[in-house]
Amino acid sequence: MNPIQKEMSNKLTQFSCPGASRIKEPIPEFFKCGKCGAEVEIWTHEFSRKCQVCGSNVLKEEVPTCIEWCDYGKECVGEEAYTKYMKAKEATREDKKRTEDEEKKMKEYMEKIKKYCERRSELDGKKTDNQDR
């Protein structure tokens, strides 16, 4: 660490930027479950939480904080808080990707069911037409 970085690091122990306060001293925020509409509490240092009503994973919007891009982010919030935050963020990215993949598969499956039902309806209609003759 060069002298300027060391001086900045020393100042950071005395001062903490406002962006880090929500990580160091988390507060609850409330989000609506996209599946059942229940209110879900997610703390500011977290990115997701299971809905206590339906069990689905509620993800909050990804908003970058200063600790992600600031050279002193890790020192500002401390190694433990920084590591927890970054692991939670990565896990949420993976959850979001998995959820998107599952939604895509479900949409494709539902489209197949719809086509099957339409085709089945057409075939049933033809049988009815032939039976009436």
N, C-alpha and C. Protein backbone atom coordinates (compact mmCIF):
# COMPACT_ATOMS: atom_id res chain seq x y z
N MET A 1 0.85 -1.17 0.00
CA MET A 1 0.00 0.00 0.00
C MET A 1 0.90 1.24 0.00
N ASN A 2 0.65 2.15 -0.95
CA ASN A 2 1.47 3.35 -0.99
C ASN A 2 1.03 4.33 0.11
N PRO A 3 1.81 5.37 0.37
CA PRO A 3 1.49 6.28 1.48
C PRO A 3 0.11 6.94 1.35
N ILE A 4 -0.29 7.28 0.15
CA ILE A 4 -1.60 7.93 -0.03
C ILE A 4 -2.72 6.94 0.30
N GLN A 5 -2.58 5.70 -0.17
CA GLN A 5 -3.58 4.68 0.14
C GLN A 5 -3.64 4.42 1.64
N LYS A 6 -2.48 4.40 2.29
CA LYS A 6 -2.43 4.16 3.73
C LYS A 6 -3.14 5.29 4.47
N GLU A 7 -2.91 6.53 4.04
CA GLU A 7 -3.56 7.67 4.67
C GLU A 7 -5.07 7.59 4.48
N MET A 8 -5.50 7.23 3.26
CA MET A 8 -6.93 7.09 2.98
C MET A 8 -7.54 5.98 3.83
N SER A 9 -6.81 4.88 3.97
CA SER A 9 -7.28 3.77 4.77
C SER A 9 -7.47 4.19 6.23
N ASN A 10 -6.52 4.96 6.75
CA ASN A 10 -6.63 5.47 8.11
C ASN A 10 -7.84 6.39 8.26
N LYS A 11 -8.10 7.21 7.26
CA LYS A 11 -9.26 8.11 7.30
C LYS A 11 -10.55 7.30 7.26
N LEU A 12 -10.53 6.20 6.53
CA LEU A 12 -11.74 5.38 6.43
C LEU A 12 -12.12 4.75 7.76
N THR A 13 -11.14 4.51 8.61
CA THR A 13 -11.47 3.96 9.92
C THR A 13 -12.21 5.00 10.76
N GLN A 14 -11.98 6.29 10.46
CA GLN A 14 -12.65 7.35 11.19
C GLN A 14 -13.96 7.73 10.50
N PHE A 15 -14.03 7.59 9.19
CA PHE A 15 -15.19 8.01 8.41
C PHE A 15 -15.68 6.84 7.56
N SER A 16 -16.96 6.71 7.44
CA SER A 16 -17.53 5.68 6.60
C SER A 16 -18.49 6.34 5.62
N CYS A 17 -18.36 6.01 4.37
CA CYS A 17 -19.23 6.64 3.38
C CYS A 17 -20.68 6.17 3.57
N PRO A 18 -21.65 6.98 3.15
CA PRO A 18 -23.06 6.65 3.35
C PRO A 18 -23.48 5.37 2.62
N GLY A 19 -22.84 5.06 1.50
CA GLY A 19 -23.21 3.87 0.74
C GLY A 19 -22.93 2.58 1.49
N ALA A 20 -21.97 2.61 2.38
CA ALA A 20 -21.59 1.41 3.13
C ALA A 20 -22.45 1.21 4.37
N SER A 21 -23.15 2.24 4.82
CA SER A 21 -23.90 2.12 6.06
C SER A 21 -25.00 1.07 5.97
N ARG A 22 -25.59 0.87 4.80
CA ARG A 22 -26.66 -0.12 4.64
C ARG A 22 -26.11 -1.55 4.67
N ILE A 23 -24.80 -1.67 4.50
CA ILE A 23 -24.15 -2.99 4.60
C ILE A 23 -23.71 -3.22 6.04
N LYS A 24 -23.09 -2.19 6.63
CA LYS A 24 -22.57 -2.31 7.99
C LYS A 24 -23.69 -2.32 9.03
N GLU A 25 -24.72 -1.54 8.79
CA GLU A 25 -25.86 -1.46 9.70
C GLU A 25 -27.14 -1.67 8.88
N PRO A 26 -27.42 -2.92 8.52
CA PRO A 26 -28.55 -3.21 7.64
C PRO A 26 -29.89 -2.84 8.26
N ILE A 27 -30.82 -2.49 7.38
CA ILE A 27 -32.20 -2.22 7.79
C ILE A 27 -33.12 -3.06 6.91
N PRO A 28 -34.31 -3.37 7.38
CA PRO A 28 -35.23 -4.18 6.57
C PRO A 28 -35.92 -3.34 5.49
N GLU A 29 -36.15 -3.98 4.35
CA GLU A 29 -36.95 -3.41 3.28
C GLU A 29 -38.03 -4.43 2.97
N PHE A 30 -39.13 -3.99 2.41
CA PHE A 30 -40.23 -4.91 2.15
C PHE A 30 -40.54 -4.96 0.66
N PHE A 31 -40.70 -6.19 0.16
CA PHE A 31 -40.97 -6.43 -1.24
C PHE A 31 -42.18 -7.34 -1.37
N LYS A 32 -42.84 -7.23 -2.49
CA LYS A 32 -44.03 -8.04 -2.75
C LYS A 32 -43.60 -9.32 -3.47
N CYS A 33 -44.08 -10.45 -3.00
CA CYS A 33 -43.80 -11.73 -3.64
C CYS A 33 -44.49 -11.73 -5.00
N GLY A 34 -43.75 -12.05 -6.04
CA GLY A 34 -44.30 -12.07 -7.38
C GLY A 34 -45.27 -13.21 -7.63
N LYS A 35 -45.22 -14.23 -6.77
CA LYS A 35 -46.08 -15.39 -6.96
C LYS A 35 -47.41 -15.26 -6.21
N CYS A 36 -47.35 -14.92 -4.92
CA CYS A 36 -48.58 -14.90 -4.11
C CYS A 36 -48.96 -13.50 -3.63
N GLY A 37 -48.06 -12.52 -3.78
CA GLY A 37 -48.38 -11.15 -3.37
C GLY A 37 -48.10 -10.83 -1.92
N ALA A 38 -47.59 -11.80 -1.16
CA ALA A 38 -47.30 -11.56 0.26
C ALA A 38 -46.13 -10.58 0.39
N GLU A 39 -46.08 -9.89 1.53
CA GLU A 39 -44.99 -8.97 1.82
C GLU A 39 -43.81 -9.77 2.36
N VAL A 40 -42.63 -9.55 1.79
CA VAL A 40 -41.43 -10.28 2.19
C VAL A 40 -40.37 -9.29 2.64
N GLU A 41 -39.81 -9.54 3.81
CA GLU A 41 -38.78 -8.67 4.38
C GLU A 41 -37.41 -9.13 3.87
N ILE A 42 -36.68 -8.21 3.24
CA ILE A 42 -35.31 -8.48 2.81
C ILE A 42 -34.45 -7.35 3.35
N TRP A 43 -33.41 -7.70 4.07
CA TRP A 43 -32.54 -6.70 4.66
C TRP A 43 -31.62 -6.11 3.60
N THR A 44 -31.11 -4.91 3.86
CA THR A 44 -30.33 -4.18 2.86
C THR A 44 -29.01 -4.86 2.50
N HIS A 45 -28.52 -5.74 3.32
CA HIS A 45 -27.27 -6.44 3.00
C HIS A 45 -27.56 -7.79 2.33
N GLU A 46 -28.83 -8.08 2.05
CA GLU A 46 -29.24 -9.32 1.40
C GLU A 46 -29.81 -9.00 0.02
N PHE A 47 -29.97 -10.03 -0.80
CA PHE A 47 -30.49 -9.84 -2.14
C PHE A 47 -31.76 -10.64 -2.40
N SER A 48 -31.99 -11.64 -1.57
CA SER A 48 -33.18 -12.47 -1.78
C SER A 48 -33.61 -13.10 -0.47
N ARG A 49 -34.85 -13.59 -0.47
CA ARG A 49 -35.40 -14.27 0.69
C ARG A 49 -36.55 -15.13 0.21
N LYS A 50 -36.74 -16.26 0.85
CA LYS A 50 -37.88 -17.15 0.53
C LYS A 50 -39.15 -16.54 1.11
N CYS A 51 -40.21 -16.58 0.33
CA CYS A 51 -41.51 -16.11 0.80
C CYS A 51 -42.01 -17.10 1.85
N GLN A 52 -42.43 -16.60 3.00
CA GLN A 52 -42.90 -17.47 4.07
C GLN A 52 -44.29 -18.03 3.79
N VAL A 53 -45.00 -17.45 2.81
CA VAL A 53 -46.33 -17.92 2.48
C VAL A 53 -46.29 -19.04 1.45
N CYS A 54 -45.60 -18.79 0.31
CA CYS A 54 -45.63 -19.78 -0.78
C CYS A 54 -44.29 -20.47 -1.04
N GLY A 55 -43.22 -19.97 -0.41
CA GLY A 55 -41.91 -20.62 -0.55
C GLY A 55 -41.11 -20.21 -1.78
N SER A 56 -41.66 -19.32 -2.61
CA SER A 56 -40.90 -18.91 -3.79
C SER A 56 -39.79 -17.94 -3.38
N ASN A 57 -38.76 -17.87 -4.22
CA ASN A 57 -37.62 -17.02 -3.94
C ASN A 57 -37.91 -15.61 -4.44
N VAL A 58 -37.87 -14.62 -3.54
CA VAL A 58 -38.11 -13.23 -3.90
C VAL A 58 -36.76 -12.56 -4.05
N LEU A 59 -36.51 -12.00 -5.22
CA LEU A 59 -35.25 -11.31 -5.49
C LEU A 59 -35.51 -9.81 -5.54
N LYS A 60 -34.63 -9.04 -4.92
CA LYS A 60 -34.78 -7.60 -5.05
C LYS A 60 -33.90 -7.13 -6.20
N GLU A 61 -34.22 -5.96 -6.70
CA GLU A 61 -33.46 -5.41 -7.82
C GLU A 61 -31.99 -5.28 -7.44
N GLU A 62 -31.14 -5.57 -8.40
CA GLU A 62 -29.71 -5.46 -8.18
C GLU A 62 -29.29 -4.01 -8.36
N VAL A 63 -28.94 -3.36 -7.28
CA VAL A 63 -28.47 -1.99 -7.34
C VAL A 63 -27.04 -1.98 -6.83
N PRO A 64 -26.08 -1.62 -7.68
CA PRO A 64 -24.68 -1.64 -7.23
C PRO A 64 -24.44 -0.65 -6.10
N THR A 65 -23.63 -1.05 -5.17
CA THR A 65 -23.26 -0.14 -4.09
C THR A 65 -21.81 0.26 -4.28
N CYS A 66 -21.42 1.27 -3.56
CA CYS A 66 -20.05 1.78 -3.70
C CYS A 66 -19.00 0.75 -3.31
N ILE A 67 -19.34 -0.19 -2.44
CA ILE A 67 -18.31 -1.16 -2.03
C ILE A 67 -17.91 -2.07 -3.18
N GLU A 68 -18.72 -2.13 -4.22
CA GLU A 68 -18.39 -2.98 -5.37
C GLU A 68 -17.37 -2.33 -6.29
N TRP A 69 -17.37 -1.02 -6.39
CA TRP A 69 -16.46 -0.37 -7.32
C TRP A 69 -15.40 0.49 -6.65
N CYS A 70 -15.62 0.84 -5.40
CA CYS A 70 -14.66 1.70 -4.69
C CYS A 70 -13.42 0.90 -4.30
N ASP A 71 -12.25 1.49 -4.50
CA ASP A 71 -11.00 0.82 -4.13
C ASP A 71 -10.91 0.52 -2.64
N TYR A 72 -11.66 1.26 -1.83
CA TYR A 72 -11.60 1.09 -0.39
C TYR A 72 -12.84 0.40 0.17
N GLY A 73 -13.67 -0.16 -0.71
CA GLY A 73 -14.92 -0.78 -0.29
C GLY A 73 -14.73 -1.86 0.77
N LYS A 74 -13.75 -2.72 0.54
CA LYS A 74 -13.52 -3.83 1.47
C LYS A 74 -13.10 -3.31 2.83
N GLU A 75 -12.20 -2.33 2.84
CA GLU A 75 -11.74 -1.77 4.11
C GLU A 75 -12.86 -1.00 4.80
N CYS A 76 -13.69 -0.36 4.01
CA CYS A 76 -14.76 0.48 4.56
C CYS A 76 -15.77 -0.34 5.37
N VAL A 77 -16.21 -1.47 4.83
CA VAL A 77 -17.21 -2.26 5.54
C VAL A 77 -16.60 -3.41 6.34
N GLY A 78 -15.35 -3.70 6.08
CA GLY A 78 -14.69 -4.81 6.76
C GLY A 78 -14.71 -6.07 5.90
N GLU A 79 -13.71 -6.87 6.06
CA GLU A 79 -13.52 -8.09 5.24
C GLU A 79 -14.72 -9.04 5.33
N GLU A 80 -15.21 -9.27 6.55
CA GLU A 80 -16.30 -10.23 6.74
C GLU A 80 -17.59 -9.77 6.06
N ALA A 81 -17.97 -8.52 6.28
CA ALA A 81 -19.19 -7.98 5.68
C ALA A 81 -19.07 -7.94 4.16
N TYR A 82 -17.89 -7.57 3.67
CA TYR A 82 -17.65 -7.50 2.22
C TYR A 82 -17.79 -8.89 1.59
N THR A 83 -17.18 -9.89 2.22
CA THR A 83 -17.23 -11.25 1.69
C THR A 83 -18.66 -11.79 1.69
N LYS A 84 -19.39 -11.59 2.78
CA LYS A 84 -20.78 -12.04 2.86
C LYS A 84 -21.62 -11.37 1.77
N TYR A 85 -21.42 -10.07 1.62
CA TYR A 85 -22.18 -9.30 0.63
C TYR A 85 -21.91 -9.83 -0.78
N MET A 86 -20.66 -10.02 -1.12
CA MET A 86 -20.31 -10.46 -2.47
C MET A 86 -20.80 -11.90 -2.73
N LYS A 87 -20.72 -12.77 -1.72
CA LYS A 87 -21.24 -14.14 -1.88
C LYS A 87 -22.75 -14.13 -2.08
N ALA A 88 -23.44 -13.30 -1.29
CA ALA A 88 -24.90 -13.20 -1.43
C ALA A 88 -25.28 -12.67 -2.80
N LYS A 89 -24.53 -11.71 -3.29
CA LYS A 89 -24.81 -11.13 -4.61
C LYS A 89 -24.62 -12.18 -5.69
N GLU A 90 -23.57 -12.96 -5.61
CA GLU A 90 -23.31 -14.01 -6.61
C GLU A 90 -24.38 -15.10 -6.54
N ALA A 91 -24.75 -15.49 -5.34
CA ALA A 91 -25.80 -16.51 -5.18
C ALA A 91 -27.12 -16.01 -5.78
N THR A 92 -27.40 -14.73 -5.60
CA THR A 92 -28.63 -14.16 -6.15
C THR A 92 -28.58 -14.13 -7.67
N ARG A 93 -27.44 -13.82 -8.23
CA ARG A 93 -27.29 -13.86 -9.70
C ARG A 93 -27.58 -15.26 -10.22
N GLU A 94 -27.05 -16.27 -9.51
CA GLU A 94 -27.29 -17.65 -9.91
C GLU A 94 -28.77 -18.01 -9.77
N ASP A 95 -29.41 -17.57 -8.67
CA ASP A 95 -30.85 -17.80 -8.48
C ASP A 95 -31.66 -17.16 -9.59
N LYS A 96 -31.30 -15.93 -9.93
CA LYS A 96 -32.03 -15.20 -10.97
C LYS A 96 -31.89 -15.93 -12.31
N LYS A 97 -30.70 -16.38 -12.63
CA LYS A 97 -30.47 -17.11 -13.88
C LYS A 97 -31.27 -18.40 -13.89
N ARG A 98 -31.24 -19.13 -12.77
CA ARG A 98 -31.99 -20.38 -12.66
C ARG A 98 -33.49 -20.12 -12.82
N THR A 99 -33.98 -19.06 -12.18
CA THR A 99 -35.40 -18.71 -12.27
C THR A 99 -35.77 -18.35 -13.70
N GLU A 100 -34.93 -17.59 -14.37
CA GLU A 100 -35.20 -17.23 -15.76
C GLU A 100 -35.22 -18.48 -16.64
N ASP A 101 -34.27 -19.39 -16.41
CA ASP A 101 -34.23 -20.64 -17.18
C ASP A 101 -35.49 -21.47 -16.94
N GLU A 102 -35.90 -21.56 -15.67
CA GLU A 102 -37.10 -22.33 -15.34
C GLU A 102 -38.35 -21.71 -15.96
N GLU A 103 -38.43 -20.38 -15.93
CA GLU A 103 -39.57 -19.70 -16.53
C GLU A 103 -39.61 -19.94 -18.05
N LYS A 104 -38.45 -19.92 -18.68
CA LYS A 104 -38.37 -20.17 -20.12
C LYS A 104 -38.83 -21.59 -20.44
N LYS A 105 -38.35 -22.55 -19.65
CA LYS A 105 -38.75 -23.94 -19.87
C LYS A 105 -40.26 -24.12 -19.65
N MET A 106 -40.79 -23.48 -18.62
CA MET A 106 -42.22 -23.58 -18.33
C MET A 106 -43.03 -22.97 -19.47
N LYS A 107 -42.57 -21.85 -19.99
CA LYS A 107 -43.27 -21.20 -21.10
C LYS A 107 -43.27 -22.12 -22.33
N GLU A 108 -42.13 -22.73 -22.62
CA GLU A 108 -42.05 -23.67 -23.75
C GLU A 108 -42.97 -24.86 -23.53
N TYR A 109 -43.00 -25.37 -22.32
CA TYR A 109 -43.85 -26.51 -21.99
C TYR A 109 -45.33 -26.15 -22.15
N MET A 110 -45.70 -24.97 -21.64
CA MET A 110 -47.09 -24.53 -21.75
C MET A 110 -47.50 -24.31 -23.21
N GLU A 111 -46.56 -23.87 -24.02
CA GLU A 111 -46.84 -23.69 -25.45
C GLU A 111 -47.10 -25.05 -26.11
N LYS A 112 -46.33 -26.05 -25.71
CA LYS A 112 -46.54 -27.41 -26.24
C LYS A 112 -47.91 -27.94 -25.82
N ILE A 113 -48.28 -27.71 -24.58
CA ILE A 113 -49.59 -28.15 -24.08
C ILE A 113 -50.70 -27.46 -24.86
N LYS A 114 -50.53 -26.16 -25.08
CA LYS A 114 -51.53 -25.40 -25.82
C LYS A 114 -51.71 -25.98 -27.24
N LYS A 115 -50.59 -26.24 -27.90
CA LYS A 115 -50.66 -26.80 -29.26
C LYS A 115 -51.30 -28.18 -29.23
N TYR A 116 -50.98 -28.99 -28.23
CA TYR A 116 -51.57 -30.31 -28.09
C TYR A 116 -53.08 -30.20 -27.93
N CYS A 117 -53.51 -29.29 -27.06
CA CYS A 117 -54.95 -29.11 -26.81
C CYS A 117 -55.67 -28.63 -28.07
N GLU A 118 -55.04 -27.71 -28.79
CA GLU A 118 -55.65 -27.23 -30.03
C GLU A 118 -55.78 -28.37 -31.04
N ARG A 119 -54.73 -29.15 -31.17
CA ARG A 119 -54.75 -30.28 -32.12
C ARG A 119 -55.77 -31.31 -31.67
N ARG A 120 -55.83 -31.58 -30.38
CA ARG A 120 -56.80 -32.53 -29.85
C ARG A 120 -58.23 -32.05 -30.11
N SER A 121 -58.44 -30.76 -29.94
CA SER A 121 -59.75 -30.18 -30.18
C SER A 121 -60.13 -30.30 -31.66
N GLU A 122 -59.16 -30.08 -32.53
CA GLU A 122 -59.41 -30.24 -33.97
C GLU A 122 -59.80 -31.68 -34.29
N LEU A 123 -59.07 -32.63 -33.74
CA LEU A 123 -59.35 -34.05 -33.99
C LEU A 123 -60.72 -34.44 -33.43
N ASP A 124 -61.04 -33.96 -32.24
CA ASP A 124 -62.35 -34.26 -31.65
C ASP A 124 -63.47 -33.67 -32.50
N GLY A 125 -63.24 -32.49 -33.05
CA GLY A 125 -64.23 -31.84 -33.90
C GLY A 125 -64.47 -32.64 -35.18
N LYS A 126 -63.41 -33.22 -35.73
CA LYS A 126 -63.54 -34.01 -36.95
C LYS A 126 -64.30 -35.29 -36.66
N LYS A 127 -64.06 -35.92 -35.52
CA LYS A 127 -64.78 -37.12 -35.15
C LYS A 127 -66.27 -36.81 -35.03
N THR A 128 -66.57 -35.68 -34.39
CA THR A 128 -67.97 -35.28 -34.21
C THR A 128 -68.63 -35.04 -35.57
N ASP A 129 -67.93 -34.37 -36.47
CA ASP A 129 -68.47 -34.12 -37.80
C ASP A 129 -68.76 -35.42 -38.53
N ASN A 130 -67.84 -36.40 -38.45
CA ASN A 130 -68.01 -37.67 -39.13
C ASN A 130 -69.13 -38.48 -38.50
N GLN A 131 -69.29 -38.37 -37.20
CA GLN A 131 -70.32 -39.14 -36.51
C GLN A 131 -71.73 -38.63 -36.84
N ASP A 132 -71.81 -37.31 -37.11
CA ASP A 132 -73.12 -36.73 -37.42
C ASP A 132 -73.62 -37.15 -38.80
N ARG A 133 -72.78 -37.62 -39.67
CA ARG A 133 -73.18 -37.97 -41.02
C ARG A 133 -73.79 -39.30 -41.13
